[in-house]
Protein backbone atom coordinates (compact mmCIF):
# COMPACT_ATOMS: atom_id res chain seq x y z
CA MET A 1 0.11 -0.31 -0.07
CA ILE A 2 0.99 3.28 -0.72
CA LEU A 3 0.41 5.89 1.93
CA CYS A 4 -0.18 9.77 1.08
CA ILE A 5 -0.04 12.42 4.10
CA THR A 6 -1.23 15.51 3.25
CA GLU A 7 -0.91 18.73 4.78
CA LYS A 8 -4.03 19.79 5.36
CA PRO A 9 -7.85 18.22 4.99
CA SER A 10 -8.69 20.33 2.61
CA VAL A 11 -6.36 18.86 -0.10
CA ARG A 12 -7.57 15.02 0.90
CA SER A 13 -10.08 14.77 -1.03
CA ASP A 14 -8.21 16.52 -4.18
CA ILE A 15 -5.71 14.08 -3.58
CA ALA A 16 -7.63 10.44 -2.89
CA LYS A 17 -10.03 11.35 -5.69
CA ILE A 18 -7.18 11.35 -8.41
CA VAL A 19 -5.09 7.86 -6.85
CA GLY A 20 -8.34 6.42 -6.36
CA ALA A 21 -9.11 5.77 -2.83
CA SER A 22 -12.57 6.21 -2.49
CA THR A 23 -13.45 4.79 0.30
CA ARG A 24 -13.97 6.95 4.09
CA ARG A 25 -12.39 5.73 6.78
CA ASP A 26 -11.81 6.79 10.10
CA GLY A 27 -9.14 9.76 9.47
CA TYR A 28 -8.47 8.41 6.03
CA PHE A 29 -9.39 7.06 2.47
CA GLU A 30 -8.56 4.43 1.38
CA GLY A 31 -8.63 2.62 -2.24
CA ASN A 32 -6.56 1.00 -5.59
CA GLY A 33 -3.91 0.32 -3.23
CA TYR A 34 -3.40 3.93 -1.87
CA CYS A 35 -4.48 5.12 1.61
CA VAL A 36 -4.68 8.79 1.84
CA THR A 37 -4.87 11.11 5.58
CA TRP A 38 -3.78 14.16 6.52
CA THR A 39 -2.61 16.56 9.08
CA PHE A 40 -3.88 19.78 10.50
CA GLY A 41 -1.05 22.07 9.45
CA HIS A 42 1.74 21.55 12.52
CA LEU A 43 1.03 17.87 14.39
CA CYS A 44 4.50 18.61 15.80
CA CYS A 45 6.15 21.82 17.33
CA LEU A 46 9.90 21.55 18.77
CA LYS A 47 9.37 21.03 22.63
CA GLU A 48 8.89 23.75 24.96
CA PRO A 49 11.49 25.17 27.32
CA ALA A 50 9.73 23.12 30.75
CA ASP A 51 9.94 19.71 28.29
CA TYR A 52 13.68 20.24 28.74
CA CYS A 53 14.51 21.52 32.20
CA THR A 54 11.60 21.98 34.95
CA GLU A 55 13.95 25.37 36.01
CA TRP A 56 12.22 26.56 32.33
CA LYS A 57 8.80 26.08 33.45
CA ARG A 58 8.72 30.14 34.83
CA TRP A 59 10.98 32.27 32.40
CA SER A 60 13.44 34.00 34.27
CA LEU A 61 16.43 36.18 33.55
CA SER A 62 18.85 34.42 35.67
CA SER A 63 18.41 30.62 33.31
CA LEU A 64 18.88 32.50 30.32
CA PRO A 65 20.24 31.88 27.48
CA MET A 66 17.86 28.54 27.00
CA ILE A 67 19.10 25.99 24.80
CA PRO A 68 18.96 22.38 25.15
CA PRO A 69 21.51 20.22 24.29
CA ARG A 70 19.51 18.66 21.72
CA PHE A 71 16.22 20.60 20.16
CA GLY A 72 13.29 17.29 19.71
CA ILE A 73 9.86 17.56 18.37
CA LYS A 74 6.58 17.00 20.22
CA LEU A 75 2.87 16.13 19.78
CA ILE A 76 0.59 19.21 20.01
CA PRO A 77 -1.66 18.64 22.72
CA SER A 78 -5.11 18.30 21.39
CA ASP A 79 -7.20 15.26 21.33
CA SER A 80 -8.22 15.86 17.93
CA TYR A 81 -4.97 15.72 16.88
CA LYS A 82 -3.52 12.76 19.27
CA ARG A 83 -6.36 11.14 17.04
CA GLN A 84 -4.98 11.69 13.83
CA PHE A 85 -1.43 11.34 14.79
CA GLU A 86 -2.11 8.17 15.87
CA THR A 87 -4.00 6.94 12.55
CA ILE A 88 -1.22 8.24 10.88
CA LYS A 89 1.21 6.02 12.55
CA ASN A 90 -0.41 3.34 12.46
CA LEU A 91 -0.86 3.66 8.35
CA ILE A 92 2.86 4.08 8.28
CA GLU A 93 3.93 0.72 10.32
CA GLN A 94 1.40 -1.03 7.44
CA CYS A 95 2.49 1.49 4.69
CA ASP A 96 5.33 -0.32 2.07
CA GLU A 97 6.03 3.83 0.50
CA ILE A 98 4.57 7.19 1.60
CA VAL A 99 4.14 9.97 -0.75
CA ASN A 100 4.53 13.16 1.00
CA CYS A 101 1.98 15.68 0.27
CA GLY A 102 2.30 18.52 1.91
CA ASP A 103 2.75 21.80 1.10
CA ALA A 104 5.28 22.69 -1.60
CA GLY A 105 7.49 24.91 0.35
CA GLN A 106 9.97 24.70 3.19
CA GLU A 107 7.36 25.29 6.16
CA GLY A 108 5.43 22.11 4.21
CA GLU A 109 8.51 20.18 4.11
CA LEU A 110 9.11 20.65 7.90
CA ILE A 111 5.41 20.34 9.15
CA GLN A 112 5.38 16.59 7.38
CA ARG A 113 9.00 15.60 8.16
CA TRP A 114 8.33 15.99 12.04
CA VAL A 115 5.05 13.92 12.03
CA MET A 116 6.47 10.92 10.19
CA GLN A 117 9.93 11.43 12.56
CA LYS A 118 7.82 11.51 15.41
CA ALA A 119 5.68 8.36 14.34
CA GLY A 120 9.50 6.77 13.99
CA CYS A 121 9.12 6.41 9.71
CA LYS A 122 11.63 3.76 8.26
CA LYS A 123 9.66 3.52 5.24
CA PRO A 124 10.52 4.79 1.94
CA VAL A 125 9.20 8.42 1.01
CA LYS A 126 8.96 9.97 -2.27
CA ARG A 127 7.47 14.18 -2.71
CA LEU A 128 4.91 15.34 -4.57
CA TRP A 129 5.77 19.11 -5.57
CA ILE A 130 3.04 20.97 -6.87
CA SER A 131 1.62 24.22 -6.58
CA SER A 132 -2.01 23.47 -8.35
CA LEU A 133 -4.49 21.40 -6.85
CA THR A 134 -5.68 20.90 -10.57
CA ASP A 135 -6.39 17.60 -11.19
CA GLU A 136 -4.04 17.58 -13.94
CA ALA A 137 -1.65 19.26 -10.97
CA ILE A 138 -1.93 17.15 -9.41
CA ARG A 139 -1.30 13.86 -12.07
CA ASP A 140 1.51 15.30 -13.56
CA GLY A 141 2.90 15.70 -10.12
CA PHE A 142 2.51 12.25 -9.56
CA GLN A 143 3.92 11.06 -12.80
CA ASN A 144 6.86 13.05 -11.33
CA LEU A 145 7.58 12.14 -7.74
CA ARG A 146 10.82 13.56 -6.66
CA PRO A 147 13.13 11.50 -3.85
CA GLU A 148 12.94 12.91 -0.65
CA LYS A 149 16.88 13.22 -0.89
CA GLU A 150 16.63 16.06 -2.92
CA LEU A 151 14.67 17.84 -0.77
CA GLU A 152 16.65 17.85 2.29
CA PRO A 153 18.47 20.83 2.22
CA LEU A 154 14.94 22.58 1.70
CA TYR A 155 13.84 20.70 5.49
CA THR A 156 17.50 21.95 7.10
CA ALA A 157 16.48 25.47 6.32
CA GLY A 158 12.58 24.40 7.68
CA LEU A 159 14.59 23.01 10.94
CA CYS A 160 16.97 26.11 11.45
CA ARG A 161 14.32 28.80 11.18
CA ALA A 162 12.53 27.04 13.64
CA ILE A 163 14.86 26.33 15.94
CA GLY A 164 16.17 29.79 15.47
CA ASP A 165 12.75 31.27 16.15
CA TRP A 166 13.05 28.85 19.54
CA VAL A 167 16.46 30.50 20.52
CA LEU A 168 15.18 33.88 19.69
CA GLY A 169 11.75 33.81 20.77
CA LEU A 170 12.28 32.21 24.41
CA ASN A 171 15.86 33.83 25.30
């Protein structure tokens, strides 16, 4: 099975229609050898200061700078996000391959990769890179899926921006 993960629910229907995943399930669509699921934009974020160190729970000048030895990600605390994340995680475990259908750009790359990392994904990933949701653009995008490795610099740029925002914003 090929798992397609879209960045938002509004895109899932367009992708599901093109790949032939027409049977609705709880948190995904399936059919024609595909499952199509979605995030709600950011399902994961960088950990908060208190997740690293109890002294950082309350902001204090004496605890600055707050720079953890290694940044980590966490699931955004929301019941609907947790439920959807569990669906994604279960589908990742069952699939043979993943198509990252996040928005084309730095933030879309970061959002999707964090979810797959948090889910412990070890499956091969390809990238759907489209700037339009017309049927023709989606079909063309699936004919020209990109290797995940090709977009590593974009992910790294997004990660650096997120960490930079964290360090500057919280310090």
